[in-house]
C-alpha atoms as a PDB file:
ATOM      1  CA  UNK A   1      67.217 -16.926 -64.802  1.00  0.00           C
ATOM      2  CA  UNK A   2      68.821 -19.767 -62.873  1.00  0.00           C
ATOM      3  CA  UNK A   3      67.604 -23.283 -63.609  1.00  0.00           C
ATOM      4  CA  UNK A   4      67.991 -24.166 -59.956  1.00  0.00           C
ATOM      5  CA  UNK A   5      65.173 -21.831 -58.883  1.00  0.00           C
ATOM      6  CA  UNK A   6      62.694 -22.523 -61.699  1.00  0.00           C
ATOM      7  CA  UNK A   7      60.760 -25.365 -60.007  1.00  0.00           C
ATOM      8  CA  UNK A   8      60.515 -23.464 -56.713  1.00  0.00           C
ATOM      9  CA  UNK A   9      59.334 -20.262 -58.406  1.00  0.00           C
ATOM     10  CA  UNK A  10      56.569 -22.159 -60.182  1.00  0.00           C
ATOM     11  CA  UNK A  11      55.523 -24.333 -57.266  1.00  0.00           C
ATOM     12  CA  UNK A  12      52.165 -22.519 -56.958  1.00  0.00           C
ATOM     13  CA  UNK A  13      51.167 -23.631 -60.442  1.00  0.00           C
ATOM     14  CA  UNK A  14      50.997 -27.438 -60.157  1.00  0.00           C
ATOM     15  CA  UNK A  15      50.917 -28.326 -63.835  1.00  0.00           C
ATOM     16  CA  UNK A  16      53.590 -25.829 -64.825  1.00  0.00           C
ATOM     17  CA  UNK A  17      55.689 -26.715 -61.816  1.00  0.00           C
ATOM     18  CA  UNK A  18      55.663 -30.393 -62.694  1.00  0.00           C
ATOM     19  CA  UNK A  19      56.494 -29.627 -66.318  1.00  0.00           C
ATOM     20  CA  UNK A  20      59.348 -27.329 -65.339  1.00  0.00           C
ATOM     21  CA  UNK A  21      60.755 -29.900 -62.934  1.00  0.00           C
ATOM     22  CA  UNK A  22      60.636 -32.573 -65.626  1.00  0.00           C
ATOM     23  CA  UNK A  23      62.372 -30.268 -68.122  1.00  0.00           C
ATOM     24  CA  UNK A  24      65.132 -29.434 -65.667  1.00  0.00           C
ATOM     25  CA  UNK A  25      65.522 -33.116 -64.748  1.00  0.00           C
ATOM     26  CA  UNK A  26      65.941 -34.167 -68.349  1.00  0.00           C
ATOM     27  CA  UNK A  27      68.279 -31.374 -69.309  1.00  0.00           C
ATOM     28  CA  UNK A  28      70.331 -31.214 -66.118  1.00  0.00           C
ATOM     29  CA  UNK A  29      73.550 -32.928 -65.264  1.00  0.00           C
ATOM     30  CA  UNK A  30      75.586 -32.508 -62.051  1.00  0.00           C
ATOM     31  CA  UNK A  31      77.786 -29.423 -62.259  1.00  0.00           C
ATOM     32  CA  UNK A  32      76.991 -29.025 -65.941  1.00  0.00           C
ATOM     33  CA  UNK A  33      77.681 -25.678 -67.587  1.00  0.00           C
ATOM     34  CA  UNK A  34      74.842 -24.640 -69.813  1.00  0.00           C
ATOM     35  CA  UNK A  35      75.491 -22.440 -72.781  1.00  0.00           C
ATOM     36  CA  UNK A  36      73.285 -19.437 -73.486  1.00  0.00           C
ATOM     37  CA  UNK A  37      71.215 -21.108 -76.193  1.00  0.00           C
ATOM     38  CA  UNK A  38      70.154 -23.989 -73.928  1.00  0.00           C
ATOM     39  CA  UNK A  39      69.165 -21.605 -71.149  1.00  0.00           C
ATOM     40  CA  UNK A  40      67.127 -19.499 -73.561  1.00  0.00           C
ATOM     41  CA  UNK A  41      65.413 -22.627 -74.911  1.00  0.00           C
ATOM     42  CA  UNK A  42      64.480 -23.832 -71.431  1.00  0.00           C
ATOM     43  CA  UNK A  43      63.187 -20.414 -70.431  1.00  0.00           C
ATOM     44  CA  UNK A  44      61.025 -20.245 -73.558  1.00  0.00           C
ATOM     45  CA  UNK A  45      59.594 -23.702 -72.908  1.00  0.00           C
ATOM     46  CA  UNK A  46      58.736 -22.775 -69.329  1.00  0.00           C
ATOM     47  CA  UNK A  47      57.229 -19.414 -70.379  1.00  0.00           C
ATOM     48  CA  UNK A  48      55.121 -21.235 -72.955  1.00  0.00           C
ATOM     49  CA  UNK A  49      53.917 -23.684 -70.323  1.00  0.00           C
ATOM     50  CA  UNK A  50      53.118 -20.844 -67.914  1.00  0.00           C
ATOM     51  CA  UNK A  51      51.128 -18.995 -70.585  1.00  0.00           C
ATOM     52  CA  UNK A  52      49.264 -22.184 -71.452  1.00  0.00           C
ATOM     53  CA  UNK A  53      48.391 -22.669 -67.789  1.00  0.00           C
ATOM     54  CA  UNK A  54      47.034 -19.119 -67.563  1.00  0.00           C
ATOM     55  CA  UNK A  55      44.976 -19.542 -70.723  1.00  0.00           C
ATOM     56  CA  UNK A  56      43.516 -22.816 -69.445  1.00  0.00           C
ATOM     57  CA  UNK A  57      42.563 -21.131 -66.169  1.00  0.00           C
ATOM     58  CA  UNK A  58      40.981 -18.206 -68.025  1.00  0.00           C
ATOM     59  CA  UNK A  59      38.963 -20.626 -70.168  1.00  0.00           C
ATOM     60  CA  UNK A  60      37.794 -22.461 -67.053  1.00  0.00           C
ATOM     61  CA  UNK A  61      36.672 -19.178 -65.517  1.00  0.00           C
ATOM     62  CA  UNK A  62      34.820 -18.182 -68.696  1.00  0.00           C
ATOM     63  CA  UNK A  63      33.076 -21.558 -68.836  1.00  0.00           C
ATOM     64  CA  UNK A  64      32.070 -21.244 -65.163  1.00  0.00           C
ATOM     65  CA  UNK A  65      30.741 -17.737 -65.822  1.00  0.00           C
ATOM     66  CA  UNK A  66      28.700 -18.899 -68.825  1.00  0.00           C
ATOM     67  CA  UNK A  67      27.296 -21.819 -66.818  1.00  0.00           C
ATOM     68  CA  UNK A  68      26.292 -19.413 -64.044  1.00  0.00           C
ATOM     69  CA  UNK A  69      24.577 -17.127 -66.564  1.00  0.00           C
ATOM     70  CA  UNK A  70      22.742 -20.091 -68.061  1.00  0.00           C
ATOM     71  CA  UNK A  71      21.309 -20.856 -64.620  1.00  0.00           C
ATOM     72  CA  UNK A  72      20.404 -17.267 -63.682  1.00  0.00           C
ATOM     73  CA  UNK A  73      17.239 -15.306 -64.382  1.00  0.00           C
ATOM     74  CA  UNK A  74      18.317 -12.028 -65.959  1.00  0.00           C
ATOM     75  CA  UNK A  75      15.409  -9.938 -64.670  1.00  0.00           C
ATOM     76  CA  UNK A  76      15.509 -10.862 -60.971  1.00  0.00           C
ATOM     77  CA  UNK A  77      19.012 -12.254 -60.486  1.00  0.00           C
ATOM     78  CA  UNK A  78      17.539 -15.435 -59.012  1.00  0.00           C
ATOM     79  CA  UNK A  79      18.407 -18.863 -60.335  1.00  0.00           C
ATOM     80  CA  UNK A  80      16.144 -20.094 -63.118  1.00  0.00           C
ATOM     81  CA  UNK A  81      14.442 -23.475 -63.593  1.00  0.00           C
ATOM     82  CA  UNK A  82      17.643 -25.093 -64.819  1.00  0.00           C
ATOM     83  CA  UNK A  83      19.540 -23.790 -61.806  1.00  0.00           C
ATOM     84  CA  UNK A  84      16.772 -24.890 -59.460  1.00  0.00           C
ATOM     85  CA  UNK A  85      16.728 -28.440 -60.798  1.00  0.00           C
ATOM     86  CA  UNK A  86      20.497 -28.717 -60.371  1.00  0.00           C
ATOM     87  CA  UNK A  87      20.294 -27.326 -56.832  1.00  0.00           C
ATOM     88  CA  UNK A  88      17.417 -29.637 -55.898  1.00  0.00           C
ATOM     89  CA  UNK A  89      19.242 -32.714 -57.153  1.00  0.00           C
ATOM     90  CA  UNK A  90      22.129 -31.909 -54.821  1.00  0.00           C
ATOM     91  CA  UNK A  91      19.756 -31.016 -52.002  1.00  0.00           C
ATOM     92  CA  UNK A  92      17.769 -34.246 -52.234  1.00  0.00           C
ATOM     93  CA  UNK A  93      20.985 -36.244 -52.384  1.00  0.00           C
ATOM     94  CA  UNK A  94      22.203 -34.525 -49.210  1.00  0.00           C
ATOM     95  CA  UNK A  95      18.807 -35.073 -47.572  1.00  0.00           C
ATOM     96  CA  UNK A  96      19.124 -38.782 -48.312  1.00  0.00           C
ATOM     97  CA  UNK A  97      22.599 -38.988 -46.790  1.00  0.00           C
ATOM     98  CA  UNK A  98      21.802 -36.976 -43.669  1.00  0.00           C
ATOM     99  CA  UNK A  99      18.131 -37.931 -43.197  1.00  0.00           C
ATOM    100  CA  UNK A 100      16.952 -34.338 -43.634  1.00  0.00           C
ATOM    101  CA  UNK A 101      13.616 -32.904 -44.667  1.00  0.00           C
ATOM    102  CA  UNK A 102      12.347 -29.606 -45.977  1.00  0.00           C
ATOM    103  CA  UNK A 103       9.538 -27.835 -47.798  1.00  0.00           C
ATOM    104  CA  UNK A 104       9.104 -26.705 -51.402  1.00  0.00           C
ATOM    105  CA  UNK A 105       6.826 -23.713 -52.006  1.00  0.00           C
ATOM    106  CA  UNK A 106       5.424 -22.809 -55.418  1.00  0.00           C
ATOM    107  CA  UNK A 107       4.436 -19.120 -55.616  1.00  0.00           C
ATOM    108  CA  UNK A 108       2.446 -17.590 -58.472  1.00  0.00           C
ATOM    109  CA  UNK A 109       1.528 -13.913 -58.860  1.00  0.00           C
ATOM    110  CA  UNK A 110      -2.253 -13.685 -59.254  1.00  0.00           C
ATOM    111  CA  UNK A 111      -3.628 -12.024 -62.413  1.00  0.00           C
ATOM    112  CA  UNK A 112      -0.184 -11.041 -63.632  1.00  0.00           C
ATOM    113  CA  UNK A 113      -1.498 -10.760 -67.184  1.00  0.00           C
ATOM    114  CA  UNK A 114      -3.973  -8.161 -65.941  1.00  0.00           C
ATOM    115  CA  UNK A 115      -1.111  -6.188 -64.389  1.00  0.00           C
ATOM    116  CA  UNK A 116       0.764  -6.190 -67.680  1.00  0.00           C
ATOM    117  CA  UNK A 117      -2.346  -5.260 -69.652  1.00  0.00           C
ATOM    118  CA  UNK A 118      -3.282  -2.375 -67.358  1.00  0.00           C
ATOM    119  CA  UNK A 119       0.101  -1.000 -66.329  1.00  0.00           C
ATOM    120  CA  UNK A 120       2.460  -2.176 -69.060  1.00  0.00           C
ATOM    121  CA  UNK A 121       5.219  -4.752 -69.139  1.00  0.00           C
ATOM    122  CA  UNK A 122       7.788  -2.422 -67.579  1.00  0.00           C
ATOM    123  CA  UNK A 123       5.641  -2.099 -64.443  1.00  0.00           C
ATOM    124  CA  UNK A 124       5.015  -5.824 -64.581  1.00  0.00           C
ATOM    125  CA  UNK A 125       8.768  -6.394 -64.500  1.00  0.00           C
ATOM    126  CA  UNK A 126       8.968  -4.143 -61.426  1.00  0.00           C
ATOM    127  CA  UNK A 127       6.374  -6.337 -59.737  1.00  0.00           C
ATOM    128  CA  UNK A 128       8.399  -9.473 -60.433  1.00  0.00           C
ATOM    129  CA  UNK A 129      11.560  -7.808 -59.137  1.00  0.00           C
ATOM    130  CA  UNK A 130       9.729  -6.713 -55.981  1.00  0.00           C
ATOM    131  CA  UNK A 131       8.379 -10.214 -55.391  1.00  0.00           C
ATOM    132  CA  UNK A 132      11.891 -11.641 -55.832  1.00  0.00           C
ATOM    133  CA  UNK A 133      13.273  -9.064 -53.401  1.00  0.00           C
ATOM    134  CA  UNK A 134      10.671  -9.759 -50.712  1.00  0.00           C
ATOM    135  CA  UNK A 135      11.083 -13.517 -50.961  1.00  0.00           C
ATOM    136  CA  UNK A 136      14.876 -13.278 -50.786  1.00  0.00           C
ATOM    137  CA  UNK A 137      14.677 -10.986 -47.755  1.00  0.00           C
ATOM    138  CA  UNK A 138      12.411 -13.390 -45.857  1.00  0.00           C
ATOM    139  CA  UNK A 139      14.326 -16.651 -46.196  1.00  0.00           C
ATOM    140  CA  UNK A 140      17.580 -17.955 -44.761  1.00  0.00           C
ATOM    141  CA  UNK A 141      20.884 -17.990 -46.609  1.00  0.00           C
ATOM    142  CA  UNK A 142      20.683 -21.781 -46.907  1.00  0.00           C
ATOM    143  CA  UNK A 143      17.235 -21.659 -48.504  1.00  0.00           C
ATOM    144  CA  UNK A 144      16.801 -21.572 -52.280  1.00  0.00           C
ATOM    145  CA  UNK A 145      14.810 -19.026 -54.276  1.00  0.00           C
ATOM    146  CA  UNK A 146      14.194 -19.352 -58.020  1.00  0.00           C
ATOM    147  CA  UNK A 147      12.087 -17.811 -60.753  1.00  0.00           C
ATOM    148  CA  UNK A 148      10.896 -20.716 -62.860  1.00  0.00           C
ATOM    149  CA  UNK A 149       8.439 -19.031 -65.210  1.00  0.00           C
ATOM    150  CA  UNK A 150       6.950 -15.688 -66.177  1.00  0.00           C
ATOM    151  CA  UNK A 151       5.268 -15.063 -62.817  1.00  0.00           C
ATOM    152  CA  UNK A 152       6.150 -18.271 -60.969  1.00  0.00           C
ATOM    153  CA  UNK A 153       8.674 -18.604 -58.177  1.00  0.00           C
ATOM    154  CA  UNK A 154       9.873 -21.550 -56.133  1.00  0.00           C
ATOM    155  CA  UNK A 155      11.181 -21.331 -52.581  1.00  0.00           C
ATOM    156  CA  UNK A 156      12.941 -24.295 -50.991  1.00  0.00           C
ATOM    157  CA  UNK A 157      13.007 -24.142 -47.204  1.00  0.00           C
ATOM    158  CA  UNK A 158      15.794 -26.515 -46.253  1.00  0.00           C
ATOM    159  CA  UNK A 159      16.198 -28.558 -43.082  1.00  0.00           C
ATOM    160  CA  UNK A 160      12.785 -27.781 -41.656  1.00  0.00           C
ATOM    161  CA  UNK A 161       9.669 -29.739 -40.780  1.00  0.00           C
ATOM    162  CA  UNK A 162       6.498 -29.524 -42.840  1.00  0.00           C
ATOM    163  CA  UNK A 163       4.755 -27.746 -39.956  1.00  0.00           C
ATOM    164  CA  UNK A 164       7.433 -25.077 -39.591  1.00  0.00           C
ATOM    165  CA  UNK A 165       7.790 -24.744 -43.353  1.00  0.00           C
ATOM    166  CA  UNK A 166       4.030 -24.305 -43.704  1.00  0.00           C
ATOM    167  CA  UNK A 167       4.028 -21.541 -41.099  1.00  0.00           C
ATOM    168  CA  UNK A 168       6.955 -19.772 -42.764  1.00  0.00           C
ATOM    169  CA  UNK A 169       5.389 -20.060 -46.219  1.00  0.00           C
ATOM    170  CA  UNK A 170       2.080 -18.622 -45.028  1.00  0.00           C
ATOM    171  CA  UNK A 171       3.902 -15.712 -43.365  1.00  0.00           C
ATOM    172  CA  UNK A 172       5.638 -15.061 -46.670  1.00  0.00           C
ATOM    173  CA  UNK A 173       2.340 -15.193 -48.544  1.00  0.00           C
ATOM    174  CA  UNK A 174       0.771 -12.686 -46.133  1.00  0.00           C
ATOM    175  CA  UNK A 175       3.767 -10.361 -46.566  1.00  0.00           C
ATOM    176  CA  UNK A 176       3.482 -10.499 -50.331  1.00  0.00           C
ATOM    177  CA  UNK A 177      -0.295 -10.010 -50.243  1.00  0.00           C
ATOM    178  CA  UNK A 178       0.221  -6.847 -48.150  1.00  0.00           C
ATOM    179  CA  UNK A 179       2.625  -5.330 -50.680  1.00  0.00           C
ATOM    180  CA  UNK A 180       1.496  -2.319 -52.698  1.00  0.00           C
ATOM    181  CA  UNK A 181       3.535  -0.718 -55.473  1.00  0.00           C
ATOM    182  CA  UNK A 182       2.908   2.851 -56.655  1.00  0.00           C
ATOM    183  CA  UNK A 183       0.241   5.368 -55.688  1.00  0.00           C
ATOM    184  CA  UNK A 184      -3.133   6.552 -56.890  1.00  0.00           C
ATOM    185  CA  UNK A 185      -4.285   5.193 -60.223  1.00  0.00           C
ATOM    186  CA  UNK A 186      -0.875   3.552 -60.665  1.00  0.00           C
ATOM    187  CA  UNK A 187      -1.249   1.441 -57.529  1.00  0.00           C
ATOM    188  CA  UNK A 188      -0.532  -2.251 -57.969  1.00  0.00           C
ATOM    189  CA  UNK A 189      -1.535  -4.565 -55.145  1.00  0.00           C
ATOM    190  CA  UNK A 190       0.343  -7.848 -55.193  1.00  0.00           C
ATOM    191  CA  UNK A 191      -1.463 -11.097 -54.474  1.00  0.00           C
ATOM    192  CA  UNK A 192       0.067 -14.542 -54.750  1.00  0.00           C
ATOM    193  CA  UNK A 193      -1.128 -18.136 -54.699  1.00  0.00           C
ATOM    194  CA  UNK A 194       0.898 -20.694 -52.807  1.00  0.00           C
ATOM    195  CA  UNK A 195       1.482 -24.437 -53.099  1.00  0.00           C
ATOM    196  CA  UNK A 196       3.418 -26.345 -50.461  1.00  0.00           C
ATOM    197  CA  UNK A 197       4.938 -29.825 -50.524  1.00  0.00           C
ATOM    198  CA  UNK A 198       7.313 -31.477 -48.060  1.00  0.00           C
ATOM    199  CA  UNK A 199      10.328 -33.512 -49.131  1.00  0.00           C
ATOM    200  CA  UNK A 200      12.902 -35.852 -47.637  1.00  0.00           C
ATOM    201  CA  UNK A 201      15.742 -38.041 -48.857  1.00  0.00           C
ATOM    202  CA  UNK A 202      13.340 -40.499 -50.515  1.00  0.00           C
ATOM    203  CA  UNK A 203      11.528 -37.852 -52.546  1.00  0.00           C
ATOM    204  CA  UNK A 204      11.529 -37.931 -56.353  1.00  0.00           C
ATOM    205  CA  UNK A 205      12.395 -34.506 -57.781  1.00  0.00           C
ATOM    206  CA  UNK A 206       9.796 -34.602 -60.559  1.00  0.00           C
ATOM    207  CA  UNK A 207       7.067 -35.775 -58.172  1.00  0.00           C
ATOM    208  CA  UNK A 208       7.651 -33.150 -55.499  1.00  0.00           C
ATOM    209  CA  UNK A 209       7.730 -30.328 -58.056  1.00  0.00           C
ATOM    210  CA  UNK A 210       4.524 -31.561 -59.677  1.00  0.00           C
ATOM    211  CA  UNK A 211       2.736 -31.851 -56.329  1.00  0.00           C
ATOM    212  CA  UNK A 212       3.812 -28.360 -55.221  1.00  0.00           C
ATOM    213  CA  UNK A 213       2.672 -26.961 -58.564  1.00  0.00           C
ATOM    214  CA  UNK A 214      -0.677 -28.757 -58.265  1.00  0.00           C
ATOM    215  CA  UNK A 215      -1.157 -27.412 -54.724  1.00  0.00           C
ATOM    216  CA  UNK A 216      -0.462 -23.883 -55.953  1.00  0.00           C
ATOM    217  CA  UNK A 217      -3.178 -24.099 -58.607  1.00  0.00           C
ATOM    218  CA  UNK A 218      -5.583 -25.499 -56.013  1.00  0.00           C
ATOM    219  CA  UNK A 219      -4.843 -22.474 -53.829  1.00  0.00           C
ATOM    220  CA  UNK A 220      -5.386 -20.140 -56.791  1.00  0.00           C
ATOM    221  CA  UNK A 221      -8.794 -21.656 -57.531  1.00  0.00           C
ATOM    222  CA  UNK A 222      -9.796 -21.450 -53.868  1.00  0.00           C
ATOM    223  CA  UNK A 223      -8.693 -17.825 -53.560  1.00  0.00           C
ATOM    224  CA  UNK A 224     -10.841 -16.918 -56.541  1.00  0.00           C
ATOM    225  CA  UNK A 225     -13.775 -18.418 -54.660  1.00  0.00           C
ATOM    226  CA  UNK A 226     -12.696 -16.695 -51.425  1.00  0.00           C
ATOM    227  CA  UNK A 227     -12.100 -20.059 -49.802  1.00  0.00           C
ATOM    228  CA  UNK A 228      -9.174 -21.310 -47.768  1.00  0.00           C
ATOM    229  CA  UNK A 229      -7.804 -24.640 -49.025  1.00  0.00           C
ATOM    230  CA  UNK A 230      -7.684 -27.521 -46.590  1.00  0.00           C
ATOM    231  CA  UNK A 231      -4.266 -27.632 -44.928  1.00  0.00           C
ATOM    232  CA  UNK A 232      -3.542 -23.961 -45.558  1.00  0.00           C
END
């Protein structure tokens, strides 16, 4: 291994490349003849540095993977509450910079406890997975979908007006309400309650989530009374 080519060979690994260059600089002299022991020593130092660089990169990847798992709902594959809060903080910051607005939708599966009691938790899990699938299929790639509780989901419709977001959310609710799983005595008809709240760059994260949640429960109470909430 020639010392002259070491820095060039390692140029794609910035930290190792800089270390190798510094080693060669300190140990090199014009036209110097290196004995075998010095060459072996330098090669071992550089190999050690390269291995350290790889291990650091592997650790970074493992940490990133663990962070992603910590923000992902295992059952549905959607982001969880922690992931949603992190995404919303970035989204509201961007909305503030670019003067954007959007809509947050809180979705709750009606009588989910009854589904579990009648059909079992395994079928209940299938319902949640189906709801997650339908929501994901009916939003844009830039929108955000999360499962934030047992039977609660949040959809963030980005860069849209309250009017357009309201229309889209109601279409989604109608699609979910028309969904039937299974046949015969095993039929499960999905129904969901919906809460909608607009946001912009001045919106407080905690406030907008609380208002959307409150609107969802208002919708749930109204649906039980076969009423349509004002504004929906």
